């Protein structure tokens, strides 16, 4: 199938000047069309039935049949994208789409509580076969499993550069990062106490904290194997790059803690919070923020997922 490419208008400043104080809005509102299409086609295929059920459950449009103009305005900040859409008239495409939906369910939807997703997910999620965008340079095209425009939509693709589907692990990482960024940017109140507790590092590396006392702690290893030891000493769940040494961004930090608290067994969490005091303390700040400002009980969510191996708030409180 032919790929579709679009680029953005670089004269946005002139457009803003001509509009004065008026807010820019899309010229085509397709939301009603999306709903009509989902309702009209809910029995067409198993993929369409799944999309209909997700629409009722999450109040989000999962869209695979759309016109190029329906999404072009939304990615005004992405400069250039190239993608391959699904063809709703091809049975083979609907079979691939169903596998795509199964992968999204496994790597994303099942990782979070339903009520949270209904509240936090974007209004529209465009489903496409593959997606490429500019990398570091304009000549560097990179494949993406997920992108967001930081407004009200995400794009999720199925195939990577070799033509094979993304693994569940890769999909979970990419969607989690993009969803975390989308959700974090939309927060009316940021977790200030959690952010301010980040350890200061030299060169943005968890191997070189500015505080010499913390640097000394890096040599004290736990009895269990831990590839994120340096990050955990500094109070981060993870560090990045293949070598696990690069400091996470605020968005990554936020998303990592949400995963850490809600998606792991209590015994695994305790093993780390009992050894790494900053990890425990920042986890407590994170849980308190979620409960006070987002009205979400992360401890309860973890307990529901792992009733035989629950975590307790005491596991994060330092004596």
Protein backbone atom coordinates (compact mmCIF):
# COMPACT_ATOMS: atom_id res chain seq x y z
CA UNK A 1 0.00 0.00 0.00
CA UNK A 2 1.21 3.49 -0.86
CA UNK A 3 2.59 5.53 1.99
CA UNK A 4 1.15 8.95 2.74
CA UNK A 5 3.44 11.85 3.56
CA UNK A 6 2.60 15.27 4.90
CA UNK A 7 4.61 18.29 6.06
CA UNK A 8 3.65 21.29 8.14
CA UNK A 9 3.29 24.91 7.20
CA UNK A 10 6.36 26.76 8.38
CA UNK A 11 4.67 30.16 8.26
CA UNK A 12 2.75 29.58 11.49
CA UNK A 13 3.89 32.92 12.84
CA UNK A 14 2.16 34.72 9.95
CA UNK A 15 -1.00 32.75 10.59
CA UNK A 16 -0.95 33.70 14.25
CA UNK A 17 -0.44 37.35 13.36
CA UNK A 18 -3.41 37.30 10.99
CA UNK A 19 -5.64 35.66 13.60
CA UNK A 20 -4.83 38.13 16.37
CA UNK A 21 -6.12 36.87 19.71
CA UNK A 22 -8.45 34.25 18.21
CA UNK A 23 -7.68 30.63 19.00
CA UNK A 24 -6.71 28.44 16.07
CA UNK A 25 -9.09 25.52 15.63
CA UNK A 26 -9.19 22.75 13.04
CA UNK A 27 -11.24 23.58 9.96
CA UNK A 28 -12.77 20.10 9.92
CA UNK A 29 -14.42 18.61 12.99
CA UNK A 30 -14.64 14.89 12.29
CA UNK A 31 -15.52 13.66 15.78
CA UNK A 32 -19.16 13.02 14.91
CA UNK A 33 -18.08 11.12 11.81
CA UNK A 34 -15.79 8.94 13.90
CA UNK A 35 -18.64 8.04 16.24
CA UNK A 36 -21.01 7.32 13.36
CA UNK A 37 -18.43 5.12 11.66
CA UNK A 38 -17.70 3.13 14.83
CA UNK A 39 -21.40 2.59 15.53
CA UNK A 40 -22.28 1.73 11.94
CA UNK A 41 -19.43 -0.79 11.57
CA UNK A 42 -19.41 -2.40 15.00
CA UNK A 43 -20.49 -5.77 13.57
CA UNK A 44 -18.41 -5.62 10.42
CA UNK A 45 -15.39 -7.51 11.76
CA UNK A 46 -13.88 -8.62 15.05
CA UNK A 47 -11.55 -5.63 14.91
CA UNK A 48 -14.50 -3.24 14.50
CA UNK A 49 -16.34 -4.93 17.38
CA UNK A 50 -13.27 -4.49 19.59
CA UNK A 51 -13.02 -0.81 18.67
CA UNK A 52 -16.71 -0.35 19.51
CA UNK A 53 -16.24 -1.98 22.93
CA UNK A 54 -13.20 0.21 23.62
CA UNK A 55 -15.15 3.30 22.60
CA UNK A 56 -17.84 2.47 25.17
CA UNK A 57 -15.28 1.60 27.84
CA UNK A 58 -12.75 4.42 27.43
CA UNK A 59 -14.69 7.14 25.58
CA UNK A 60 -11.86 7.25 23.04
CA UNK A 61 -12.08 6.93 19.26
CA UNK A 62 -9.72 4.26 17.93
CA UNK A 63 -9.64 5.23 14.26
CA UNK A 64 -8.20 3.24 11.36
CA UNK A 65 -10.32 4.58 8.50
CA UNK A 66 -9.71 8.28 7.97
CA UNK A 67 -8.77 10.90 5.40
CA UNK A 68 -5.31 12.40 5.40
CA UNK A 69 -6.73 15.84 6.14
CA UNK A 70 -8.35 14.50 9.33
CA UNK A 71 -4.96 14.22 11.02
CA UNK A 72 -2.68 16.66 9.19
CA UNK A 73 -3.66 19.68 11.28
CA UNK A 74 -3.09 17.80 14.50
CA UNK A 75 0.59 17.14 13.90
CA UNK A 76 1.52 20.74 13.11
CA UNK A 77 4.64 20.46 15.28
CA UNK A 78 5.98 17.22 13.82
CA UNK A 79 7.38 18.80 10.63
CA UNK A 80 7.23 15.64 8.55
CA UNK A 81 5.62 12.23 8.91
CA UNK A 82 5.21 9.30 6.57
CA UNK A 83 2.75 6.51 7.26
CA UNK A 84 0.86 3.58 5.73
CA UNK A 85 -2.86 3.52 6.57
CA UNK A 86 -5.08 0.48 6.86
CA UNK A 87 -7.49 -0.21 3.99
CA UNK A 88 -10.93 -1.06 5.48
CA UNK A 89 -11.89 -2.79 2.23
CA UNK A 90 -9.07 -5.32 2.42
CA UNK A 91 -9.76 -8.38 4.54
CA UNK A 92 -6.02 -8.90 5.03
CA UNK A 93 -5.69 -5.41 6.51
CA UNK A 94 -8.50 -6.10 8.97
CA UNK A 95 -6.69 -9.27 10.08
CA UNK A 96 -3.49 -7.27 10.66
CA UNK A 97 -5.51 -4.58 12.46
CA UNK A 98 -6.93 -7.18 14.84
CA UNK A 99 -3.41 -8.33 15.73
CA UNK A 100 -2.50 -4.67 16.24
CA UNK A 101 -5.41 -4.22 18.65
CA UNK A 102 -4.43 -7.36 20.57
CA UNK A 103 -0.91 -5.97 20.93
CA UNK A 104 -2.23 -2.61 22.16
CA UNK A 105 -4.41 -4.39 24.70
CA UNK A 106 -1.54 -6.54 25.96
CA UNK A 107 1.14 -3.85 26.06
CA UNK A 108 -0.92 -0.81 27.08
CA UNK A 109 -4.58 -1.10 28.08
CA UNK A 110 -4.09 -4.01 30.48
CA UNK A 111 -1.29 -2.12 32.24
CA UNK A 112 -3.58 0.55 33.73
CA UNK A 113 -6.82 0.72 35.67
CA UNK A 114 -9.91 1.20 33.46
CA UNK A 115 -11.19 4.30 35.24
CA UNK A 116 -7.79 5.96 34.97
CA UNK A 117 -7.60 5.30 31.22
CA UNK A 118 -11.09 6.66 30.65
CA UNK A 119 -10.02 9.84 32.39
CA UNK A 120 -6.52 10.14 30.98
CA UNK A 121 -6.51 8.82 27.41
CA UNK A 122 -6.59 11.20 24.45
CA UNK A 123 -9.84 11.81 22.58
CA UNK A 124 -8.55 10.14 19.41
CA UNK A 125 -6.07 7.35 18.71
CA UNK A 126 -5.19 6.83 15.03
CA UNK A 127 -4.19 3.29 14.10
CA UNK A 128 -1.80 2.83 11.16
CA UNK A 129 0.40 0.09 9.75
CA UNK A 130 3.73 1.87 10.05
CA UNK A 131 4.95 5.33 10.93
CA UNK A 132 8.14 7.21 10.15
CA UNK A 133 9.29 10.64 11.23
CA UNK A 134 12.41 12.75 11.24
CA UNK A 135 15.12 11.63 13.60
CA UNK A 136 18.04 13.77 14.72
CA UNK A 137 18.44 15.32 11.26
CA UNK A 138 16.03 15.98 8.40
CA UNK A 139 17.67 13.16 6.45
CA UNK A 140 17.32 10.66 9.26
CA UNK A 141 13.99 8.80 9.05
CA UNK A 142 13.05 6.79 12.13
CA UNK A 143 10.23 4.28 12.69
CA UNK A 144 7.91 4.93 15.63
CA UNK A 145 5.40 2.70 17.40
CA UNK A 146 3.71 5.75 18.92
CA UNK A 147 3.60 9.53 18.68
CA UNK A 148 1.48 12.24 20.23
CA UNK A 149 0.77 15.79 19.16
CA UNK A 150 0.48 16.86 22.82
CA UNK A 151 -3.08 18.01 22.13
CA UNK A 152 -5.81 15.41 21.95
CA UNK A 153 -4.53 12.56 19.82
CA UNK A 154 -1.99 9.76 19.48
CA UNK A 155 -0.83 7.67 16.52
CA UNK A 156 -0.06 3.98 17.10
CA UNK A 157 1.63 1.84 14.45
CA UNK A 158 2.14 -1.89 14.14
CA UNK A 159 5.17 -2.56 11.91
CA UNK A 160 8.81 -1.66 12.53
CA UNK A 161 11.50 -1.01 9.94
CA UNK A 162 12.03 -4.70 9.09
CA UNK A 163 8.36 -5.15 8.29
CA UNK A 164 7.69 -7.19 11.40
CA UNK A 165 5.36 -6.30 14.24
CA UNK A 166 6.78 -4.58 17.29
CA UNK A 167 7.33 -6.88 20.24
CA UNK A 168 5.03 -6.44 23.23
CA UNK A 169 8.01 -5.18 25.24
CA UNK A 170 8.94 -2.54 22.65
CA UNK A 171 5.32 -1.51 22.21
CA UNK A 172 4.83 -1.19 25.97
CA UNK A 173 7.91 1.01 26.26
CA UNK A 174 7.02 3.32 23.36
CA UNK A 175 3.32 3.70 24.09
CA UNK A 176 4.02 4.08 27.80
CA UNK A 177 6.51 6.87 27.13
CA UNK A 178 4.22 8.71 24.71
CA UNK A 179 1.14 8.25 26.88
CA UNK A 180 3.10 9.40 29.92
CA UNK A 181 4.20 12.51 28.06
CA UNK A 182 0.63 13.22 26.93
CA UNK A 183 -0.78 12.72 30.41
CA UNK A 184 2.00 14.61 32.20
CA UNK A 185 1.68 17.66 29.95
CA UNK A 186 -2.05 17.77 30.66
CA UNK A 187 -1.65 17.85 34.45
CA UNK A 188 -3.03 21.05 35.96
CA UNK A 189 -0.80 20.55 38.99
CA UNK A 190 2.69 19.11 38.72
CA UNK A 191 4.15 16.85 41.47
CA UNK A 192 6.46 19.55 42.81
CA UNK A 193 7.68 17.65 45.88
CA UNK A 194 8.45 14.62 43.73
CA UNK A 195 10.26 16.72 41.11
CA UNK A 196 12.27 18.68 43.67
CA UNK A 197 13.52 15.44 45.23
CA UNK A 198 15.46 14.52 42.11
CA UNK A 199 19.15 14.08 42.87
CA UNK A 200 21.46 16.54 41.11
CA UNK A 201 23.84 14.82 38.71
CA UNK A 202 26.91 15.73 36.74
CA UNK A 203 26.59 15.34 32.97
CA UNK A 204 23.02 13.99 33.45
CA UNK A 205 24.48 10.59 34.44
CA UNK A 206 23.34 8.52 37.43
CA UNK A 207 26.93 7.33 37.83
CA UNK A 208 28.09 10.84 38.76
CA UNK A 209 25.90 12.43 41.47
CA UNK A 210 27.06 15.83 42.67
CA UNK A 211 26.81 14.85 46.34
CA UNK A 212 29.95 12.83 47.27
CA UNK A 213 27.99 10.92 49.95
CA UNK A 214 25.59 9.61 47.32
CA UNK A 215 28.53 8.77 45.09
CA UNK A 216 29.94 6.59 47.89
CA UNK A 217 26.65 4.69 48.09
CA UNK A 218 27.04 3.56 44.48
CA UNK A 219 29.70 1.05 45.54
CA UNK A 220 27.37 -0.65 48.04
CA UNK A 221 25.57 -3.37 46.07
CA UNK A 222 22.44 -5.30 47.13
CA UNK A 223 22.36 -9.08 47.43
CA UNK A 224 20.08 -9.33 44.38
CA UNK A 225 21.01 -8.60 40.75
CA UNK A 226 19.92 -5.14 39.68
CA UNK A 227 20.87 -3.55 36.36
CA UNK A 228 19.40 -0.24 37.58
CA UNK A 229 21.47 -0.08 40.78
CA UNK A 230 22.98 3.35 40.06
CA UNK A 231 19.60 4.79 39.10
CA UNK A 232 17.93 3.36 42.22
CA UNK A 233 20.64 4.79 44.50
CA UNK A 234 19.87 8.21 43.02
CA UNK A 235 16.13 7.70 43.49
CA UNK A 236 15.20 6.90 39.90
CA UNK A 237 13.37 3.75 38.85
CA UNK A 238 15.34 3.53 35.62
CA UNK A 239 18.19 5.18 33.75
CA UNK A 240 18.39 5.32 29.99
CA UNK A 241 20.67 4.50 27.06
CA UNK A 242 21.72 0.84 26.56
CA UNK A 243 24.15 1.27 29.45
CA UNK A 244 21.40 2.42 31.88
CA UNK A 245 23.26 5.55 32.91
CA UNK A 246 21.39 8.53 31.44
CA UNK A 247 19.16 10.50 33.80
CA UNK A 248 15.44 10.19 32.98
CA UNK A 249 13.50 13.28 31.96
CA UNK A 250 10.72 14.53 34.23
CA UNK A 251 8.17 12.77 32.02
CA UNK A 252 10.13 9.49 32.03
CA UNK A 253 10.61 9.78 35.78
CA UNK A 254 6.86 10.24 36.29
CA UNK A 255 5.94 7.36 33.98
CA UNK A 256 8.57 5.06 35.50
CA UNK A 257 7.16 5.49 39.00
CA UNK A 258 3.62 4.84 37.83
CA UNK A 259 4.85 1.57 36.31
CA UNK A 260 7.01 0.75 39.35
CA UNK A 261 4.18 1.05 41.88
CA UNK A 262 1.23 -0.37 39.96
CA UNK A 263 2.70 -3.01 37.64
CA UNK A 264 4.95 -5.08 39.91
CA UNK A 265 4.54 -7.59 42.73
CA UNK A 266 4.80 -6.29 46.26
CA UNK A 267 7.76 -8.53 47.13
CA UNK A 268 9.70 -7.20 44.12
CA UNK A 269 8.93 -3.60 45.07
CA UNK A 270 9.87 -4.14 48.73
CA UNK A 271 13.16 -5.71 47.74
CA UNK A 272 14.11 -2.38 46.22
CA UNK A 273 12.47 0.13 48.56
CA UNK A 274 14.04 -1.56 51.59
CA UNK A 275 17.51 -1.21 50.11
CA UNK A 276 17.24 2.11 48.25
CA UNK A 277 16.00 4.84 50.59
CA UNK A 278 15.58 7.52 47.92
CA UNK A 279 13.54 5.19 45.75
CA UNK A 280 11.24 4.56 48.74
CA UNK A 281 10.95 8.23 49.69
CA UNK A 282 10.21 9.42 46.16
CA UNK A 283 7.71 6.59 45.78
CA UNK A 284 5.91 7.89 48.86
CA UNK A 285 5.83 11.42 47.40
CA UNK A 286 4.47 10.02 44.14
CA UNK A 287 1.72 8.00 45.85
CA UNK A 288 0.69 11.00 47.98
CA UNK A 289 0.51 13.28 44.92
CA UNK A 290 -1.64 10.81 43.02
CA UNK A 291 -4.04 10.42 45.91
CA UNK A 292 -4.35 14.11 46.77
CA UNK A 293 -4.50 15.70 43.32
CA UNK A 294 -5.58 12.91 40.95
CA UNK A 295 -7.83 11.05 43.41
CA UNK A 296 -6.20 7.74 42.44
CA UNK A 297 -5.09 5.17 45.03
CA UNK A 298 -2.04 3.52 43.48
CA UNK A 299 -1.64 1.12 46.39
CA UNK A 300 -5.18 -0.14 45.80
CA UNK A 301 -4.49 -0.52 42.09
CA UNK A 302 -1.41 -2.64 42.76
CA UNK A 303 -3.32 -4.73 45.31
CA UNK A 304 -6.07 -5.39 42.80
CA UNK A 305 -3.56 -6.53 40.20
CA UNK A 306 -1.52 -8.65 42.63
CA UNK A 307 -3.89 -9.68 45.45
CA UNK A 308 -1.56 -12.52 46.49
CA UNK A 309 1.50 -10.27 46.61
CA UNK A 310 0.30 -6.78 47.63
CA UNK A 311 2.32 -3.72 48.47
CA UNK A 312 1.63 -1.39 51.41
CA UNK A 313 2.29 2.29 51.95
CA UNK A 314 4.60 1.24 54.79
CA UNK A 315 6.90 -0.26 52.17
CA UNK A 316 7.70 3.29 51.03
CA UNK A 317 7.93 5.03 54.41
CA UNK A 318 11.45 5.28 55.79
CA UNK A 319 11.76 4.66 59.53
